[in-house]
Amino acid sequence: MKRRKRENWDAVIEEWAAGEQYQLWRRHSDAVNTALLGRWLPKRPVARLLKTDLFDEAVTDGLYAVLAATADCVVGVDVSASVAAMAGRRHPGLVTETADVRRLPFDDDSFDTVVSISTLDHFESCEEIPVALREVTRVLCPGGQLLLTLDNLAQPAVWLRSILPQALMMRLGLIPYAVGKTLGPRRLQAACRAAGLQVEEATAVLHCPRALAVACTRWLERHASPQTQDRFLALLSAFELLERLPSRYLTGYFVAVRASKPGPTMAEEVER
């Protein structure tokens, strides 16, 4: 399965690298994630930070700038060697590794912060999400933070997508590549706690009507001026105000969790 998944992403990145598909949509997606990280990343610099996939950094500027401003060393892993290589070429300061997030090639307690943006929602079963969470917890330092987003199963469009045939949705252009299983807000928080993490905050992000917005951005890329494109992105950003409402999990395409790995108790520190 791992080889098939890697080959799938190799094919996707080759197609995306050959053209300029979805660049306007990626700008909006990156902006939403950057805003979230701006709120949740540590305010003081940390030594080492891990990002659990590199697709964003391979096809656009991604999140590297905000991560590099937070950590002395930013390490990124991706199951696809092609994606990792492309991200490394775009961002020379980024340390890249080809690895599966369920089997990370790092020692225990290696990273002060782990950023996982829509990585764990690409598995073929929900049972693999807790496996990845336990592995992320293992490499996270005591007191360190995990910033995590997944496709939000509580959002009606995501739920509908989860029960429809993926081949059909890809032929219709409703999804650009194969997607995996995911969880809703309650089950994700429960899975984080079961992995040994303490949930600090939870929310939902990316509140615009995604399928319509993606279709519009693809049309605008081909036919509209840069100024019109910028105005449309400003309109999409306005939808993020919906995060403030109690209905956020019904409108937000991604569920987001900030969790921490408990550090040693005071008694344990004294014993050391």
C-alpha atoms as a PDB file:
ATOM      1  CA  MET A   1       0.000   0.000   0.000  1.00  0.00           C
ATOM      2  CA  LYS A   2       2.826   2.408   0.850  1.00  0.00           C
ATOM      3  CA  ARG A   3       4.393   1.926  -2.598  1.00  0.00           C
ATOM      4  CA  ARG A   4       1.056   2.542  -4.317  1.00  0.00           C
ATOM      5  CA  LYS A   5       0.462   5.694  -2.282  1.00  0.00           C
ATOM      6  CA  ARG A   6       3.959   6.962  -3.080  1.00  0.00           C
ATOM      7  CA  GLU A   7       3.481   6.321  -6.795  1.00  0.00           C
ATOM      8  CA  ASN A   8       0.130   8.128  -6.701  1.00  0.00           C
ATOM      9  CA  TRP A   9       1.727  11.267  -5.253  1.00  0.00           C
ATOM     10  CA  ASP A  10       4.653  11.029  -7.682  1.00  0.00           C
ATOM     11  CA  ALA A  11       2.126  11.131 -10.538  1.00  0.00           C
ATOM     12  CA  VAL A  12       0.193  14.049  -8.988  1.00  0.00           C
ATOM     13  CA  ILE A  13       3.291  16.181  -8.434  1.00  0.00           C
ATOM     14  CA  GLU A  14       4.514  15.457 -11.984  1.00  0.00           C
ATOM     15  CA  GLU A  15       1.196  16.674 -13.395  1.00  0.00           C
ATOM     16  CA  TRP A  16       1.126  19.776 -11.207  1.00  0.00           C
ATOM     17  CA  ALA A  17       4.762  20.602 -11.990  1.00  0.00           C
ATOM     18  CA  ALA A  18       4.026  20.499 -15.725  1.00  0.00           C
ATOM     19  CA  GLY A  19       1.485  23.330 -15.496  1.00  0.00           C
ATOM     20  CA  GLU A  20       0.157  26.029 -13.228  1.00  0.00           C
ATOM     21  CA  GLN A  21      -2.964  24.263 -12.014  1.00  0.00           C
ATOM     22  CA  TYR A  22      -4.768  25.467  -8.927  1.00  0.00           C
ATOM     23  CA  GLN A  23      -2.170  28.142  -8.154  1.00  0.00           C
ATOM     24  CA  LEU A  24      -4.778  30.736  -7.207  1.00  0.00           C
ATOM     25  CA  TRP A  25      -6.602  28.264  -5.001  1.00  0.00           C
ATOM     26  CA  ARG A  26      -3.323  27.246  -3.375  1.00  0.00           C
ATOM     27  CA  ARG A  27      -2.678  30.896  -2.538  1.00  0.00           C
ATOM     28  CA  HIS A  28      -5.937  30.992  -0.598  1.00  0.00           C
ATOM     29  CA  SER A  29      -5.289  27.671   1.102  1.00  0.00           C
ATOM     30  CA  ASP A  30      -1.786  28.774   2.110  1.00  0.00           C
ATOM     31  CA  ALA A  31      -3.161  32.068   3.434  1.00  0.00           C
ATOM     32  CA  VAL A  32      -5.740  30.291   5.617  1.00  0.00           C
ATOM     33  CA  ASN A  33      -3.134  27.909   7.011  1.00  0.00           C
ATOM     34  CA  THR A  34      -0.627  30.704   7.538  1.00  0.00           C
ATOM     35  CA  ALA A  35      -3.201  32.659   9.542  1.00  0.00           C
ATOM     36  CA  LEU A  36      -3.916  29.619  11.704  1.00  0.00           C
ATOM     37  CA  LEU A  37      -0.225  28.991  12.328  1.00  0.00           C
ATOM     38  CA  GLY A  38       0.290  32.653  13.098  1.00  0.00           C
ATOM     39  CA  ARG A  39      -2.111  32.236  16.005  1.00  0.00           C
ATOM     40  CA  TRP A  40      -0.901  28.845  17.191  1.00  0.00           C
ATOM     41  CA  LEU A  41       2.842  28.589  16.594  1.00  0.00           C
ATOM     42  CA  PRO A  42       5.075  29.294  19.624  1.00  0.00           C
ATOM     43  CA  LYS A  43       5.762  32.982  20.089  1.00  0.00           C
ATOM     44  CA  ARG A  44       9.384  32.291  20.997  1.00  0.00           C
ATOM     45  CA  PRO A  45      11.726  30.537  18.536  1.00  0.00           C
ATOM     46  CA  VAL A  46      12.163  26.781  18.959  1.00  0.00           C
ATOM     47  CA  ALA A  47      15.127  24.628  17.977  1.00  0.00           C
ATOM     48  CA  ARG A  48      13.520  22.022  15.714  1.00  0.00           C
ATOM     49  CA  LEU A  49      10.192  21.844  13.907  1.00  0.00           C
ATOM     50  CA  LEU A  50       8.787  18.991  11.814  1.00  0.00           C
ATOM     51  CA  LYS A  51       6.259  19.321   8.982  1.00  0.00           C
ATOM     52  CA  THR A  52       4.604  16.024   8.145  1.00  0.00           C
ATOM     53  CA  ASP A  53       4.185  16.544   4.390  1.00  0.00           C
ATOM     54  CA  LEU A  54       5.716  18.781   1.738  1.00  0.00           C
ATOM     55  CA  PHE A  55       3.129  19.064  -1.016  1.00  0.00           C
ATOM     56  CA  ASP A  56       2.399  22.729  -0.219  1.00  0.00           C
ATOM     57  CA  GLU A  57       6.099  23.600  -0.345  1.00  0.00           C
ATOM     58  CA  ALA A  58       6.583  21.645  -3.579  1.00  0.00           C
ATOM     59  CA  VAL A  59       3.875  23.420  -5.605  1.00  0.00           C
ATOM     60  CA  THR A  60       3.833  26.922  -4.050  1.00  0.00           C
ATOM     61  CA  ASP A  61       5.734  28.914  -1.446  1.00  0.00           C
ATOM     62  CA  GLY A  62       3.668  26.939   1.031  1.00  0.00           C
ATOM     63  CA  LEU A  63       4.185  27.490   4.742  1.00  0.00           C
ATOM     64  CA  TYR A  64       7.978  27.440   4.848  1.00  0.00           C
ATOM     65  CA  ALA A  65       8.413  31.168   5.514  1.00  0.00           C
ATOM     66  CA  VAL A  66       6.243  31.185   8.647  1.00  0.00           C
ATOM     67  CA  LEU A  67       7.812  27.933   9.877  1.00  0.00           C
ATOM     68  CA  ALA A  68      11.381  29.149   9.274  1.00  0.00           C
ATOM     69  CA  ALA A  69      10.597  32.302  11.256  1.00  0.00           C
ATOM     70  CA  THR A  70       9.626  30.090  14.211  1.00  0.00           C
ATOM     71  CA  ALA A  71      12.329  27.404  14.274  1.00  0.00           C
ATOM     72  CA  ASP A  72      16.109  27.282  13.917  1.00  0.00           C
ATOM     73  CA  CYS A  73      15.748  24.067  11.898  1.00  0.00           C
ATOM     74  CA  VAL A  74      12.706  23.087   9.818  1.00  0.00           C
ATOM     75  CA  VAL A  75      12.521  19.438   8.760  1.00  0.00           C
ATOM     76  CA  GLY A  76       9.893  18.167   6.346  1.00  0.00           C
ATOM     77  CA  VAL A  77       8.957  14.611   5.434  1.00  0.00           C
ATOM     78  CA  ASP A  78       6.911  13.274   2.567  1.00  0.00           C
ATOM     79  CA  VAL A  79       6.049   9.781   1.424  1.00  0.00           C
ATOM     80  CA  SER A  80       6.948  10.825  -2.142  1.00  0.00           C
ATOM     81  CA  ALA A  81      10.622  11.330  -2.951  1.00  0.00           C
ATOM     82  CA  SER A  82       9.599  13.514  -5.904  1.00  0.00           C
ATOM     83  CA  VAL A  83       7.573  15.830  -3.659  1.00  0.00           C
ATOM     84  CA  ALA A  84      10.393  16.034  -1.099  1.00  0.00           C
ATOM     85  CA  ALA A  85      12.974  16.783  -3.791  1.00  0.00           C
ATOM     86  CA  MET A  86      10.852  19.493  -5.384  1.00  0.00           C
ATOM     87  CA  ALA A  87      10.198  21.127  -1.996  1.00  0.00           C
ATOM     88  CA  GLY A  88      13.915  21.051  -1.225  1.00  0.00           C
ATOM     89  CA  ARG A  89      14.734  22.773  -4.515  1.00  0.00           C
ATOM     90  CA  ARG A  90      12.184  25.528  -3.875  1.00  0.00           C
ATOM     91  CA  HIS A  91      13.355  26.044  -0.286  1.00  0.00           C
ATOM     92  CA  PRO A  92      17.116  25.412   0.120  1.00  0.00           C
ATOM     93  CA  GLY A  93      16.947  25.968   3.879  1.00  0.00           C
ATOM     94  CA  LEU A  94      14.405  23.176   4.346  1.00  0.00           C
ATOM     95  CA  VAL A  95      15.749  19.780   5.478  1.00  0.00           C
ATOM     96  CA  THR A  96      13.785  17.102   3.624  1.00  0.00           C
ATOM     97  CA  GLU A  97      13.356  13.373   4.195  1.00  0.00           C
ATOM     98  CA  THR A  98      11.370  10.735   2.326  1.00  0.00           C
ATOM     99  CA  ALA A  99       9.360   8.991   5.024  1.00  0.00           C
ATOM    100  CA  ASP A 100       5.931   7.762   6.040  1.00  0.00           C
ATOM    101  CA  VAL A 101       4.432   9.694   8.951  1.00  0.00           C
ATOM    102  CA  ARG A 102       3.423   6.356  10.490  1.00  0.00           C
ATOM    103  CA  ARG A 103       7.097   5.323  10.676  1.00  0.00           C
ATOM    104  CA  LEU A 104       9.201   8.423  11.185  1.00  0.00           C
ATOM    105  CA  PRO A 105      13.013   8.056  10.970  1.00  0.00           C
ATOM    106  CA  PHE A 106      13.686  10.182  14.052  1.00  0.00           C
ATOM    107  CA  ASP A 107      14.585   9.529  17.680  1.00  0.00           C
ATOM    108  CA  ASP A 108      12.117   9.994  20.516  1.00  0.00           C
ATOM    109  CA  ASP A 109      11.648  13.591  21.678  1.00  0.00           C
ATOM    110  CA  SER A 110      13.316  15.055  18.551  1.00  0.00           C
ATOM    111  CA  PHE A 111      11.088  18.062  17.792  1.00  0.00           C
ATOM    112  CA  ASP A 112       9.745  20.997  19.761  1.00  0.00           C
ATOM    113  CA  THR A 113       6.830  21.490  17.355  1.00  0.00           C
ATOM    114  CA  VAL A 114       5.120  19.295  14.764  1.00  0.00           C
ATOM    115  CA  VAL A 115       2.939  20.855  12.057  1.00  0.00           C
ATOM    116  CA  SER A 116       0.609  18.438  10.253  1.00  0.00           C
ATOM    117  CA  ILE A 117      -1.560  20.180   7.672  1.00  0.00           C
ATOM    118  CA  SER A 118      -4.026  17.771   6.038  1.00  0.00           C
ATOM    119  CA  THR A 119      -1.585  14.860   6.126  1.00  0.00           C
ATOM    120  CA  LEU A 120      -3.355  12.246   8.224  1.00  0.00           C
ATOM    121  CA  ASP A 121      -6.514  12.403   6.096  1.00  0.00           C
ATOM    122  CA  HIS A 122      -4.871  10.553   3.196  1.00  0.00           C
ATOM    123  CA  PHE A 123      -4.891   7.029   4.662  1.00  0.00           C
ATOM    124  CA  GLU A 124      -7.121   4.235   3.430  1.00  0.00           C
ATOM    125  CA  SER A 125      -8.644   3.578   6.864  1.00  0.00           C
ATOM    126  CA  CYS A 126      -9.481   5.587   9.974  1.00  0.00           C
ATOM    127  CA  GLU A 127      -7.486   3.104  12.053  1.00  0.00           C
ATOM    128  CA  GLU A 128      -4.256   4.457  10.580  1.00  0.00           C
ATOM    129  CA  ILE A 129      -4.847   7.963  11.940  1.00  0.00           C
ATOM    130  CA  PRO A 130      -4.215   6.944  15.599  1.00  0.00           C
ATOM    131  CA  VAL A 131      -1.090   5.066  14.452  1.00  0.00           C
ATOM    132  CA  ALA A 132       0.277   8.274  12.925  1.00  0.00           C
ATOM    133  CA  LEU A 133      -0.720  10.303  15.989  1.00  0.00           C
ATOM    134  CA  ARG A 134       1.188   7.952  18.278  1.00  0.00           C
ATOM    135  CA  GLU A 135       4.254   8.247  16.050  1.00  0.00           C
ATOM    136  CA  VAL A 136       4.038  12.033  15.999  1.00  0.00           C
ATOM    137  CA  THR A 137       3.697  12.024  19.791  1.00  0.00           C
ATOM    138  CA  ARG A 138       6.790   9.819  20.063  1.00  0.00           C
ATOM    139  CA  VAL A 139       9.043  12.284  18.206  1.00  0.00           C
ATOM    140  CA  LEU A 140       7.562  15.325  19.955  1.00  0.00           C
ATOM    141  CA  CYS A 141       9.509  16.672  22.921  1.00  0.00           C
ATOM    142  CA  PRO A 142       7.766  16.803  26.304  1.00  0.00           C
ATOM    143  CA  GLY A 143       6.017  20.141  26.454  1.00  0.00           C
ATOM    144  CA  GLY A 144       6.074  20.391  22.659  1.00  0.00           C
ATOM    145  CA  GLN A 145       3.074  21.158  20.484  1.00  0.00           C
ATOM    146  CA  LEU A 146       1.289  19.455  17.595  1.00  0.00           C
ATOM    147  CA  LEU A 147      -0.645  21.714  15.214  1.00  0.00           C
ATOM    148  CA  LEU A 148      -2.945  19.478  13.206  1.00  0.00           C
ATOM    149  CA  THR A 149      -5.626  19.815  10.551  1.00  0.00           C
ATOM    150  CA  LEU A 150      -7.755  17.129   8.885  1.00  0.00           C
ATOM    151  CA  ASP A 151     -10.646  17.135   6.462  1.00  0.00           C
ATOM    152  CA  ASN A 152     -13.652  17.809   8.702  1.00  0.00           C
ATOM    153  CA  LEU A 153     -16.135  14.926   8.556  1.00  0.00           C
ATOM    154  CA  ALA A 154     -18.752  17.087  10.338  1.00  0.00           C
ATOM    155  CA  GLN A 155     -18.876  19.409   7.313  1.00  0.00           C
ATOM    156  CA  PRO A 156     -21.675  18.218   4.968  1.00  0.00           C
ATOM    157  CA  ALA A 157     -19.646  18.454   1.744  1.00  0.00           C
ATOM    158  CA  VAL A 158     -16.785  16.449   3.256  1.00  0.00           C
ATOM    159  CA  TRP A 159     -19.211  13.860   4.608  1.00  0.00           C
ATOM    160  CA  LEU A 160     -20.884  13.557   1.195  1.00  0.00           C
ATOM    161  CA  ARG A 161     -17.512  13.212  -0.492  1.00  0.00           C
ATOM    162  CA  SER A 162     -16.622  10.420   1.926  1.00  0.00           C
ATOM    163  CA  ILE A 163     -19.495   8.227   0.705  1.00  0.00           C
ATOM    164  CA  LEU A 164     -19.255   8.906  -3.055  1.00  0.00           C
ATOM    165  CA  PRO A 165     -16.973   6.963  -5.439  1.00  0.00           C
ATOM    166  CA  GLN A 166     -13.658   8.792  -5.731  1.00  0.00           C
ATOM    167  CA  ALA A 167     -13.120   7.802  -9.358  1.00  0.00           C
ATOM    168  CA  LEU A 168     -16.370   9.522 -10.303  1.00  0.00           C
ATOM    169  CA  MET A 169     -15.532  12.672  -8.340  1.00  0.00           C
ATOM    170  CA  MET A 170     -12.109  12.888  -9.982  1.00  0.00           C
ATOM    171  CA  ARG A 171     -13.620  12.508 -13.461  1.00  0.00           C
ATOM    172  CA  LEU A 172     -16.064  15.320 -12.665  1.00  0.00           C
ATOM    173  CA  GLY A 173     -13.222  17.488 -11.387  1.00  0.00           C
ATOM    174  CA  LEU A 174     -14.672  17.704  -7.881  1.00  0.00           C
ATOM    175  CA  ILE A 175     -11.392  16.551  -6.323  1.00  0.00           C
ATOM    176  CA  PRO A 176      -7.920  16.989  -7.881  1.00  0.00           C
ATOM    177  CA  TYR A 177      -6.445  13.792  -6.417  1.00  0.00           C
ATOM    178  CA  ALA A 178      -7.422  10.796  -4.306  1.00  0.00           C
ATOM    179  CA  VAL A 179      -8.374  11.540  -0.717  1.00  0.00           C
ATOM    180  CA  GLY A 180      -8.470   9.290   2.315  1.00  0.00           C
ATOM    181  CA  LYS A 181     -10.466   8.647   5.453  1.00  0.00           C
ATOM    182  CA  THR A 182     -10.885  11.300   8.095  1.00  0.00           C
ATOM    183  CA  LEU A 183     -12.524  12.128  11.428  1.00  0.00           C
ATOM    184  CA  GLY A 184     -14.879  14.699  12.853  1.00  0.00           C
ATOM    185  CA  PRO A 185     -13.961  17.127  15.661  1.00  0.00           C
ATOM    186  CA  ARG A 186     -14.917  14.883  18.595  1.00  0.00           C
ATOM    187  CA  ARG A 187     -13.256  11.731  17.285  1.00  0.00           C
ATOM    188  CA  LEU A 188     -10.093  13.625  16.351  1.00  0.00           C
ATOM    189  CA  GLN A 189      -9.760  15.141  19.809  1.00  0.00           C
ATOM    190  CA  ALA A 190     -10.398  11.730  21.374  1.00  0.00           C
ATOM    191  CA  ALA A 191      -7.706  10.200  19.144  1.00  0.00           C
ATOM    192  CA  CYS A 192      -5.238  12.902  20.198  1.00  0.00           C
ATOM    193  CA  ARG A 193      -5.904  12.185  23.868  1.00  0.00           C
ATOM    194  CA  ALA A 194      -5.568   8.442  23.296  1.00  0.00           C
ATOM    195  CA  ALA A 195      -2.152   9.090  21.715  1.00  0.00           C
ATOM    196  CA  GLY A 196      -0.990  10.802  24.910  1.00  0.00           C
ATOM    197  CA  LEU A 197      -1.609  14.408  23.905  1.00  0.00           C
ATOM    198  CA  GLN A 198      -3.457  17.134  25.743  1.00  0.00           C
ATOM    199  CA  VAL A 199      -5.857  19.088  23.522  1.00  0.00           C
ATOM    200  CA  GLU A 200      -5.392  22.821  24.082  1.00  0.00           C
ATOM    201  CA  GLU A 201      -7.615  24.286  21.351  1.00  0.00           C
ATOM    202  CA  ALA A 202      -9.864  23.108  18.548  1.00  0.00           C
ATOM    203  CA  THR A 203     -11.547  24.982  15.724  1.00  0.00           C
ATOM    204  CA  ALA A 204     -12.451  24.753  12.035  1.00  0.00           C
ATOM    205  CA  VAL A 205     -10.924  26.650   9.111  1.00  0.00           C
ATOM    206  CA  LEU A 206     -11.483  27.229   5.392  1.00  0.00           C
ATOM    207  CA  HIS A 207     -15.136  28.197   5.365  1.00  0.00           C
ATOM    208  CA  CYS A 208     -15.768  29.187   1.756  1.00  0.00           C
ATOM    209  CA  PRO A 209     -17.829  26.814  -0.444  1.00  0.00           C
ATOM    210  CA  ARG A 210     -14.776  24.860  -1.577  1.00  0.00           C
ATOM    211  CA  ALA A 211     -15.934  23.141  -4.775  1.00  0.00           C
ATOM    212  CA  LEU A 212     -17.380  26.364  -6.157  1.00  0.00           C
ATOM    213  CA  ALA A 213     -14.356  28.390  -5.051  1.00  0.00           C
ATOM    214  CA  VAL A 214     -11.909  25.986  -6.712  1.00  0.00           C
ATOM    215  CA  ALA A 215     -13.877  26.100  -9.974  1.00  0.00           C
ATOM    216  CA  CYS A 216     -13.943  29.907  -9.875  1.00  0.00           C
ATOM    217  CA  THR A 217     -10.219  30.208  -9.181  1.00  0.00           C
ATOM    218  CA  ARG A 218      -9.404  27.898 -12.093  1.00  0.00           C
ATOM    219  CA  TRP A 219     -11.488  30.085 -14.425  1.00  0.00           C
ATOM    220  CA  LEU A 220      -9.969  33.288 -13.054  1.00  0.00           C
ATOM    221  CA  GLU A 221      -6.446  31.943 -13.546  1.00  0.00           C
ATOM    222  CA  ARG A 222      -7.109  31.684 -17.260  1.00  0.00           C
ATOM    223  CA  HIS A 223      -9.295  34.717 -17.901  1.00  0.00           C
ATOM    224  CA  ALA A 224      -9.001  37.385 -15.196  1.00  0.00           C
ATOM    225  CA  SER A 225      -6.445  40.075 -14.434  1.00  0.00           C
ATOM    226  CA  PRO A 226      -4.200  39.818 -11.359  1.00  0.00           C
ATOM    227  CA  GLN A 227      -6.226  42.607  -9.735  1.00  0.00           C
ATOM    228  CA  THR A 228      -9.477  40.685 -10.207  1.00  0.00           C
ATOM    229  CA  GLN A 229      -7.863  37.560  -8.856  1.00  0.00           C
ATOM    230  CA  ASP A 230      -6.698  39.431  -5.753  1.00  0.00           C
ATOM    231  CA  ARG A 231     -10.204  40.807  -5.174  1.00  0.00           C
ATOM    232  CA  PHE A 232     -11.644  37.307  -5.404  1.00  0.00           C
ATOM    233  CA  LEU A 233      -9.121  36.017  -2.873  1.00  0.00           C
ATOM    234  CA  ALA A 234     -10.154  38.832  -0.520  1.00  0.00           C
ATOM    235  CA  LEU A 235     -13.764  37.684  -0.898  1.00  0.00           C
ATOM    236  CA  LEU A 236     -12.798  34.099  -0.053  1.00  0.00           C
ATOM    237  CA  SER A 237     -10.876  35.294   3.005  1.00  0.00           C
ATOM    238  CA  ALA A 238     -14.000  37.027   4.314  1.00  0.00           C
ATOM    239  CA  PHE A 239     -15.646  33.620   4.752  1.00  0.00           C
ATOM    240  CA  GLU A 240     -13.136  32.899   7.544  1.00  0.00           C
ATOM    241  CA  LEU A 241     -15.246  35.130   9.796  1.00  0.00           C
ATOM    242  CA  LEU A 242     -17.559  32.109  10.077  1.00  0.00           C
ATOM    243  CA  GLU A 243     -14.987  30.527  12.389  1.00  0.00           C
ATOM    244  CA  ARG A 244     -16.277  32.823  15.130  1.00  0.00           C
ATOM    245  CA  LEU A 245     -19.751  31.267  15.053  1.00  0.00           C
ATOM    246  CA  PRO A 246     -20.963  28.185  16.982  1.00  0.00           C
ATOM    247  CA  SER A 247     -21.698  26.598  13.596  1.00  0.00           C
ATOM    248  CA  ARG A 248     -17.989  26.625  12.650  1.00  0.00           C
ATOM    249  CA  TYR A 249     -17.783  22.834  12.334  1.00  0.00           C
ATOM    250  CA  LEU A 250     -20.635  22.814   9.824  1.00  0.00           C
ATOM    251  CA  THR A 251     -18.942  25.354   7.546  1.00  0.00           C
ATOM    252  CA  GLY A 252     -15.215  24.725   8.041  1.00  0.00           C
ATOM    253  CA  TYR A 253     -13.669  22.302   5.582  1.00  0.00           C
ATOM    254  CA  PHE A 254     -10.851  21.414   7.990  1.00  0.00           C
ATOM    255  CA  VAL A 255     -10.954  20.634  11.683  1.00  0.00           C
ATOM    256  CA  ALA A 256      -7.899  22.041  13.452  1.00  0.00           C
ATOM    257  CA  VAL A 257      -6.428  20.989  16.785  1.00  0.00           C
ATOM    258  CA  ARG A 258      -3.582  22.382  18.860  1.00  0.00           C
ATOM    259  CA  ALA A 259      -2.340  19.745  21.293  1.00  0.00           C
ATOM    260  CA  SER A 260       0.665  19.407  23.580  1.00  0.00           C
ATOM    261  CA  LYS A 261       2.719  16.512  24.854  1.00  0.00           C
ATOM    262  CA  PRO A 262       2.724  16.582  28.656  1.00  0.00           C
ATOM    263  CA  GLY A 263       6.116  17.385  30.133  1.00  0.00           C
ATOM    264  CA  PRO A 264       7.704  15.846  33.237  1.00  0.00           C
ATOM    265  CA  THR A 265       6.085  16.626  36.575  1.00  0.00           C
ATOM    266  CA  MET A 266       7.830  18.818  39.120  1.00  0.00           C
ATOM    267  CA  ALA A 267       8.676  15.727  41.186  1.00  0.00           C
ATOM    268  CA  GLU A 268      10.275  14.093  38.156  1.00  0.00           C
ATOM    269  CA  GLU A 269      12.302  17.243  37.467  1.00  0.00           C
ATOM    270  CA  VAL A 270      13.579  17.229  41.072  1.00  0.00           C
ATOM    271  CA  GLU A 271      14.620  13.564  40.745  1.00  0.00           C
ATOM    272  CA  ARG A 272      16.646  14.458  37.665  1.00  0.00           C
END
